[in-house]
């Protein structure tokens, strides 16, 4: 680890350097003072576009230094601050900078213990900011209340394309708010709500939004509890191409059984937009695999199908193998961890 002193040396070099565009200093224990040195350098540097300070314990004080720097720097576009103990106070400083004129387009604030106060400040900033296209707020303390604030921001924001809320505390109510914003927002293309507390009702709200939304291409709901009812709702959005933009749906580990898969399979028969479907770690048996296989016979769009760690045995694999034999669309099929007999392993 280079520590504070090493950060100072690099900062001195940045003041003079005219060619470096990317600097990655992950897990180097530079602390608040190291962040201050680098921030001062950014006020003078005219070439650095990407800075990664993840895992450096810069805390709220370091965030303040950096916020001041990127608010006055005309070159930096990407800033990664994953796992730095920034907390609400640091988020406030960053939000304040985002409210002003900045060229920052990608901001990673994941795993920073950001709660209600910090999330509110960031959501308000998002309403006014005209440059951020990717915002990562995974592994924080965002609840339904804060999700509503971000929903309000999405209704007016016209630049954000990627939003990551993985591993927060967003439930069905917060999901409903975000779904409502999807019916109005025309720029967001990827939304990640994995590892939250979203159930069938939340899935229903999202599915209804998908029937209206014309821009979202990727929806990730890994490790929630949408269950068969949620799968049915998503199927209804996909069937007959009601939604014409979504190409990636991740509903890994969502308690989906053969019943839910049957709904999705029926949708896949005619859907011409979905290219990637992740159903890993659900409760899909041979009968569910048969439903999917029947859909694959006629579907020429789905190219990546993940069925890892389900309850598919030899019979289910036989159905999938027959479907692959009759349809020559180039595909990636993952059925690892399904208890398939050794002589059938080649079918994957």
Protein backbone atom coordinates (compact mmCIF):
# COMPACT_ATOMS: atom_id res chain seq x y z
CA UNK A 1 0.00 0.00 0.00
CA UNK A 2 1.31 3.41 -0.95
CA UNK A 3 -0.44 5.31 1.85
CA UNK A 4 -0.75 9.06 2.23
CA UNK A 5 2.88 9.74 1.30
CA UNK A 6 2.67 7.79 -1.93
CA UNK A 7 -0.51 9.63 -2.84
CA UNK A 8 1.34 12.90 -2.34
CA UNK A 9 4.12 11.81 -4.71
CA UNK A 10 1.57 10.85 -7.35
CA UNK A 11 -0.31 14.10 -6.85
CA UNK A 12 2.89 16.08 -7.45
CA UNK A 13 3.41 14.12 -10.65
CA UNK A 14 -0.16 14.76 -11.82
CA UNK A 15 0.40 18.49 -11.64
CA UNK A 16 3.19 18.22 -14.21
CA UNK A 17 2.07 15.20 -16.25
CA UNK A 18 0.32 15.92 -19.57
CA UNK A 19 -0.40 12.38 -20.80
CA UNK A 20 -1.88 10.18 -18.03
CA UNK A 21 -5.62 9.62 -18.52
CA UNK A 22 -6.39 6.82 -16.02
CA UNK A 23 -5.17 6.38 -12.44
CA UNK A 24 -6.21 3.34 -10.38
CA UNK A 25 -5.28 3.41 -6.68
CA UNK A 26 -7.65 0.84 -5.17
CA UNK A 27 -7.00 -0.37 -1.60
CA UNK A 28 -3.92 1.73 -0.90
CA UNK A 29 -4.88 3.28 2.44
CA UNK A 30 -4.35 6.84 1.25
CA UNK A 31 -6.88 8.22 3.76
CA UNK A 32 -8.28 11.75 3.94
CA UNK A 33 -4.91 13.46 3.50
CA UNK A 34 -4.04 11.39 0.46
CA UNK A 35 -7.39 12.33 -1.06
CA UNK A 36 -6.62 15.98 -0.33
CA UNK A 37 -3.28 15.79 -2.17
CA UNK A 38 -4.91 14.20 -5.21
CA UNK A 39 -7.81 16.65 -5.15
CA UNK A 40 -5.41 19.60 -5.19
CA UNK A 41 -3.65 18.05 -8.16
CA UNK A 42 -6.93 17.66 -10.03
CA UNK A 43 -7.44 21.40 -9.82
CA UNK A 44 -4.39 21.79 -12.06
CA UNK A 45 -4.29 18.57 -14.10
CA UNK A 46 -5.75 18.78 -17.62
CA UNK A 47 -5.55 15.17 -18.86
CA UNK A 48 -6.82 12.69 -16.23
CA UNK A 49 -10.29 11.40 -17.16
CA UNK A 50 -10.63 8.38 -14.83
CA UNK A 51 -9.75 8.11 -11.13
CA UNK A 52 -10.37 5.00 -9.03
CA UNK A 53 -9.87 5.45 -5.28
CA UNK A 54 -11.99 2.50 -4.14
CA UNK A 55 -11.21 1.05 -0.71
CA UNK A 56 -9.03 3.86 0.62
CA UNK A 57 -10.89 5.11 3.72
CA UNK A 58 -11.05 8.68 2.47
CA UNK A 59 -14.24 9.18 4.54
CA UNK A 60 -16.39 12.30 4.41
CA UNK A 61 -13.45 14.69 4.63
CA UNK A 62 -11.75 13.13 1.64
CA UNK A 63 -15.05 13.20 -0.24
CA UNK A 64 -15.26 16.93 0.42
CA UNK A 65 -11.82 17.52 -1.11
CA UNK A 66 -12.66 15.47 -4.18
CA UNK A 67 -16.07 17.08 -4.60
CA UNK A 68 -14.45 20.49 -4.71
CA UNK A 69 -11.94 19.18 -7.23
CA UNK A 70 -14.34 17.66 -9.74
CA UNK A 71 -16.63 20.68 -9.41
CA UNK A 72 -13.77 22.78 -10.77
CA UNK A 73 -12.08 20.23 -13.06
CA UNK A 74 -13.12 20.23 -16.72
CA UNK A 75 -11.58 16.89 -17.71
CA UNK A 76 -12.40 14.18 -15.13
CA UNK A 77 -15.39 12.10 -16.26
CA UNK A 78 -15.17 8.89 -14.18
CA UNK A 79 -14.77 8.65 -10.40
CA UNK A 80 -14.88 5.38 -8.43
CA UNK A 81 -15.20 5.74 -4.66
CA UNK A 82 -16.45 2.26 -3.71
CA UNK A 83 -16.04 1.38 -0.02
CA UNK A 84 -14.59 4.56 1.43
CA UNK A 85 -16.73 5.27 4.49
CA UNK A 86 -18.09 8.43 2.90
CA UNK A 87 -21.43 8.24 4.76
CA UNK A 88 -24.19 10.86 4.56
CA UNK A 89 -21.92 13.83 5.17
CA UNK A 90 -19.60 12.90 2.31
CA UNK A 91 -22.59 12.24 0.05
CA UNK A 92 -23.81 15.75 0.85
CA UNK A 93 -20.53 17.27 -0.39
CA UNK A 94 -20.63 15.21 -3.56
CA UNK A 95 -24.28 16.07 -4.19
CA UNK A 96 -23.52 19.75 -3.79
CA UNK A 97 -20.82 19.49 -6.45
CA UNK A 98 -23.17 17.61 -8.78
CA UNK A 99 -25.64 20.47 -8.50
CA UNK A 100 -23.08 22.74 -10.10
CA UNK A 101 -21.25 22.59 -13.40
CA UNK A 102 -19.26 19.38 -13.74
CA UNK A 103 -18.12 17.04 -16.51
CA UNK A 104 -18.45 13.88 -14.39
CA UNK A 105 -20.42 11.15 -16.21
CA UNK A 106 -19.73 8.01 -14.13
CA UNK A 107 -19.89 7.97 -10.32
CA UNK A 108 -19.50 4.91 -8.10
CA UNK A 109 -20.54 5.44 -4.48
CA UNK A 110 -21.32 1.82 -3.61
CA UNK A 111 -20.71 0.42 -0.11
CA UNK A 112 -20.35 3.78 1.60
CA UNK A 113 -22.92 3.58 4.42
CA UNK A 114 -25.09 6.20 2.75
CA UNK A 115 -28.48 6.48 4.43
CA UNK A 116 -31.59 8.64 4.24
CA UNK A 117 -29.90 12.04 4.46
CA UNK A 118 -27.19 11.34 1.90
CA UNK A 119 -29.58 9.59 -0.47
CA UNK A 120 -31.94 12.56 -0.33
CA UNK A 121 -29.13 14.95 -1.24
CA UNK A 122 -28.00 12.76 -4.13
CA UNK A 123 -31.55 12.36 -5.45
CA UNK A 124 -32.06 16.12 -5.39
CA UNK A 125 -28.78 16.59 -7.23
CA UNK A 126 -29.84 14.07 -9.85
CA UNK A 127 -32.87 16.21 -10.60
CA UNK A 128 -30.59 19.07 -11.63
CA UNK A 129 -27.48 17.34 -12.95
CA UNK A 130 -27.01 17.24 -16.74
CA UNK A 131 -23.88 15.08 -17.07
CA UNK A 132 -24.07 11.90 -14.95
CA UNK A 133 -24.95 8.87 -17.08
CA UNK A 134 -24.04 6.06 -14.64
CA UNK A 135 -24.66 6.12 -10.88
CA UNK A 136 -23.80 3.19 -8.61
CA UNK A 137 -25.35 3.25 -5.14
CA UNK A 138 -25.15 -0.46 -4.39
CA UNK A 139 -24.66 -1.73 -0.82
CA UNK A 140 -25.97 1.31 1.01
CA UNK A 141 -29.05 1.97 3.17
CA UNK A 142 -31.59 3.16 0.63
CA UNK A 143 -35.19 2.32 1.56
CA UNK A 144 -38.61 2.83 -0.03
CA UNK A 145 -38.63 6.44 1.14
CA UNK A 146 -35.40 7.29 -0.66
CA UNK A 147 -36.46 5.26 -3.69
CA UNK A 148 -39.39 7.63 -4.06
CA UNK A 149 -37.01 10.59 -4.10
CA UNK A 150 -34.93 8.98 -6.84
CA UNK A 151 -38.13 8.22 -8.70
CA UNK A 152 -39.01 11.91 -8.67
CA UNK A 153 -35.54 12.69 -9.97
CA UNK A 154 -35.85 10.19 -12.81
CA UNK A 155 -39.02 11.90 -13.98
CA UNK A 156 -37.02 15.04 -14.76
CA UNK A 157 -33.49 13.75 -15.38
CA UNK A 158 -32.63 13.38 -19.06
CA UNK A 159 -29.07 12.03 -18.98
CA UNK A 160 -28.85 9.04 -16.61
CA UNK A 161 -28.65 5.72 -18.46
CA UNK A 162 -27.51 3.29 -15.73
CA UNK A 163 -28.70 3.15 -12.11
CA UNK A 164 -27.58 0.49 -9.62
CA UNK A 165 -29.42 -0.05 -6.33
CA UNK A 166 -28.09 -3.56 -5.62
CA UNK A 167 -28.11 -4.63 -1.94
CA UNK A 168 -30.24 -1.92 -0.43
CA UNK A 169 -33.60 -2.13 1.36
CA UNK A 170 -36.06 -1.31 -1.39
CA UNK A 171 -39.39 -3.12 -1.13
CA UNK A 172 -42.58 -3.22 -3.17
CA UNK A 173 -43.56 0.38 -2.35
CA UNK A 174 -40.22 1.79 -3.43
CA UNK A 175 -40.30 -0.40 -6.52
CA UNK A 176 -43.73 0.98 -7.39
CA UNK A 177 -42.31 4.50 -7.26
CA UNK A 178 -39.40 3.56 -9.51
CA UNK A 179 -41.75 1.75 -11.88
CA UNK A 180 -43.89 4.87 -12.17
CA UNK A 181 -40.83 6.88 -13.14
CA UNK A 182 -40.04 4.35 -15.88
CA UNK A 183 -43.28 5.27 -17.60
CA UNK A 184 -42.03 8.85 -17.92
CA UNK A 185 -38.24 8.56 -18.13
CA UNK A 186 -36.86 8.26 -21.67
CA UNK A 187 -33.13 7.77 -21.08
CA UNK A 188 -32.54 5.01 -18.50
CA UNK A 189 -31.41 1.80 -20.20
CA UNK A 190 -30.22 -0.31 -17.24
CA UNK A 191 -31.79 -0.66 -13.79
CA UNK A 192 -30.34 -2.98 -11.16
CA UNK A 193 -32.53 -3.78 -8.16
CA UNK A 194 -30.84 -7.03 -7.19
CA UNK A 195 -30.66 -8.15 -3.55
CA UNK A 196 -33.47 -6.01 -2.22
CA UNK A 197 -36.82 -7.03 -0.69
CA UNK A 198 -39.01 -6.97 -3.79
CA UNK A 199 -41.93 -9.39 -3.93
CA UNK A 200 -44.65 -10.26 -6.47
CA UNK A 201 -46.32 -6.84 -6.13
CA UNK A 202 -43.11 -5.03 -6.92
CA UNK A 203 -42.61 -7.25 -9.95
CA UNK A 204 -46.14 -6.46 -11.11
CA UNK A 205 -45.44 -2.72 -10.96
CA UNK A 206 -42.24 -3.14 -12.96
CA UNK A 207 -43.92 -5.36 -15.53
CA UNK A 208 -46.69 -2.82 -16.11
CA UNK A 209 -44.06 -0.13 -16.56
CA UNK A 210 -42.25 -2.27 -19.12
CA UNK A 211 -45.39 -2.35 -21.23
CA UNK A 212 -45.09 1.43 -21.56
CA UNK A 213 -41.36 2.13 -21.31
CA UNK A 214 -39.49 2.32 -24.63
CA UNK A 215 -35.87 2.70 -23.50
CA UNK A 216 -34.97 0.19 -20.74
CA UNK A 217 -32.92 -2.68 -22.16
CA UNK A 218 -31.63 -4.35 -18.97
CA UNK A 219 -33.51 -5.17 -15.77
CA UNK A 220 -31.73 -7.06 -12.98
CA UNK A 221 -33.67 -8.42 -10.01
CA UNK A 222 -31.26 -11.07 -8.75
CA UNK A 223 -32.06 -12.40 -5.25
CA UNK A 224 -35.48 -10.96 -4.61
CA UNK A 225 -38.76 -12.86 -4.16
CA UNK A 226 -40.88 -12.17 -7.24
CA UNK A 227 -42.02 -15.84 -7.33
CA UNK A 228 -44.30 -17.36 -9.98
CA UNK A 229 -46.74 -14.45 -9.90
CA UNK A 230 -43.93 -12.04 -10.69
CA UNK A 231 -42.72 -14.29 -13.50
CA UNK A 232 -46.25 -14.28 -14.92
CA UNK A 233 -46.34 -10.49 -14.86
CA UNK A 234 -43.03 -10.21 -16.69
CA UNK A 235 -44.25 -12.76 -19.22
CA UNK A 236 -47.31 -10.63 -19.91
CA UNK A 237 -45.04 -7.66 -20.64
CA UNK A 238 -42.93 -9.74 -23.02
CA UNK A 239 -45.66 -11.68 -24.80
CA UNK A 240 -46.65 -10.49 -28.26
CA UNK A 241 -43.81 -7.96 -27.99
CA UNK A 242 -45.79 -5.53 -25.84
CA UNK A 243 -42.32 -4.42 -24.73
CA UNK A 244 -39.98 -3.93 -27.69
CA UNK A 245 -36.76 -2.82 -25.99
CA UNK A 246 -35.91 -5.11 -23.05
CA UNK A 247 -33.17 -7.54 -24.08
CA UNK A 248 -31.81 -8.68 -20.70
CA UNK A 249 -33.85 -9.95 -17.76
CA UNK A 250 -32.13 -11.34 -14.67
CA UNK A 251 -34.48 -12.99 -12.18
CA UNK A 252 -31.93 -15.33 -10.63
CA UNK A 253 -32.87 -16.70 -7.18
CA UNK A 254 -36.46 -15.54 -7.06
CA UNK A 255 -38.35 -18.70 -5.96
CA UNK A 256 -39.66 -19.40 -9.44
CA UNK A 257 -41.02 -22.89 -10.13
CA UNK A 258 -42.30 -24.75 -13.20
CA UNK A 259 -45.49 -22.69 -13.08
CA UNK A 260 -43.69 -19.38 -13.44
CA UNK A 261 -41.39 -20.75 -16.11
CA UNK A 262 -44.38 -21.88 -18.16
CA UNK A 263 -45.61 -18.29 -18.36
CA UNK A 264 -42.17 -17.07 -19.43
CA UNK A 265 -41.81 -19.87 -21.97
CA UNK A 266 -45.13 -18.97 -23.57
CA UNK A 267 -43.91 -15.39 -23.90
CA UNK A 268 -40.65 -16.51 -25.50
CA UNK A 269 -42.47 -18.27 -28.32
CA UNK A 270 -43.30 -14.95 -29.98
CA UNK A 271 -40.98 -12.45 -28.29
CA UNK A 272 -38.34 -11.03 -30.64
CA UNK A 273 -36.36 -8.73 -28.34
CA UNK A 274 -35.15 -10.67 -25.28
CA UNK A 275 -31.64 -12.01 -25.86
CA UNK A 276 -30.53 -12.87 -22.30
CA UNK A 277 -32.58 -14.58 -19.60
CA UNK A 278 -31.11 -15.64 -16.25
CA UNK A 279 -33.23 -18.09 -14.25
CA UNK A 280 -30.40 -19.52 -12.15
CA UNK A 281 -30.90 -20.70 -8.56
CA UNK A 282 -34.66 -20.99 -8.78
CA UNK A 283 -36.82 -24.10 -8.28
CA UNK A 284 -37.20 -25.22 -11.87
CA UNK A 285 -37.69 -28.99 -12.34
CA UNK A 286 -37.74 -31.12 -15.50
CA UNK A 287 -41.26 -29.96 -16.33
CA UNK A 288 -40.07 -26.35 -16.30
CA UNK A 289 -37.15 -27.25 -18.55
CA UNK A 290 -39.62 -28.86 -20.95
CA UNK A 291 -41.63 -25.62 -21.14
CA UNK A 292 -38.47 -23.69 -21.97
CA UNK A 293 -37.39 -26.28 -24.52
CA UNK A 294 -40.72 -26.01 -26.32
CA UNK A 295 -40.25 -22.25 -26.57
CA UNK A 296 -36.67 -22.56 -27.85
CA UNK A 297 -37.81 -24.61 -30.83
CA UNK A 298 -39.34 -21.50 -32.41
CA UNK A 299 -37.48 -18.67 -30.69
CA UNK A 300 -34.57 -17.29 -32.73
CA UNK A 301 -33.77 -14.28 -30.55
CA UNK A 302 -32.73 -15.62 -27.14
CA UNK A 303 -28.98 -16.23 -27.28
CA UNK A 304 -28.05 -16.60 -23.60
CA UNK A 305 -30.02 -18.76 -21.18
CA UNK A 306 -28.80 -19.44 -17.65
CA UNK A 307 -30.43 -22.30 -15.72
CA UNK A 308 -27.68 -22.99 -13.21
CA UNK A 309 -28.46 -24.61 -9.87
CA UNK A 310 -32.07 -25.56 -10.43
CA UNK A 311 -33.71 -29.01 -10.14
CA UNK A 312 -33.29 -30.10 -13.73
CA UNK A 313 -32.31 -33.73 -14.20
CA UNK A 314 -31.74 -35.97 -17.23
CA UNK A 315 -35.30 -35.74 -18.50
CA UNK A 316 -35.20 -31.94 -18.57
CA UNK A 317 -31.82 -31.94 -20.28
CA UNK A 318 -33.17 -34.29 -22.93
CA UNK A 319 -35.93 -31.82 -23.73
CA UNK A 320 -33.44 -28.95 -23.95
CA UNK A 321 -31.09 -31.01 -26.11
CA UNK A 322 -33.88 -31.83 -28.55
CA UNK A 323 -34.77 -28.15 -28.82
CA UNK A 324 -31.17 -27.18 -29.51
CA UNK A 325 -30.95 -29.86 -32.19
CA UNK A 326 -34.01 -28.56 -34.01
CA UNK A 327 -33.12 -24.86 -33.79
CA UNK A 328 -29.65 -23.85 -34.97
CA UNK A 329 -29.61 -20.35 -33.48
CA UNK A 330 -26.21 -19.77 -31.85
CA UNK A 331 -26.79 -19.90 -28.10
CA UNK A 332 -25.07 -20.08 -24.74
CA UNK A 333 -26.81 -22.46 -22.33
CA UNK A 334 -25.62 -22.86 -18.74
CA UNK A 335 -27.08 -25.76 -16.74
CA UNK A 336 -24.28 -26.25 -14.22
CA UNK A 337 -25.18 -27.68 -10.82
CA UNK A 338 -28.39 -29.45 -11.82
CA UNK A 339 -27.57 -33.06 -10.92
CA UNK A 340 -27.35 -34.27 -14.50
CA UNK A 341 -26.06 -37.84 -14.97
CA UNK A 342 -22.48 -38.08 -16.24
CA UNK A 343 -23.43 -39.56 -19.60
CA UNK A 344 -25.63 -36.52 -20.31
CA UNK A 345 -23.06 -33.84 -19.51
CA UNK A 346 -22.24 -33.32 -23.16
CA UNK A 347 -25.72 -31.95 -23.78
CA UNK A 348 -24.77 -28.67 -22.19
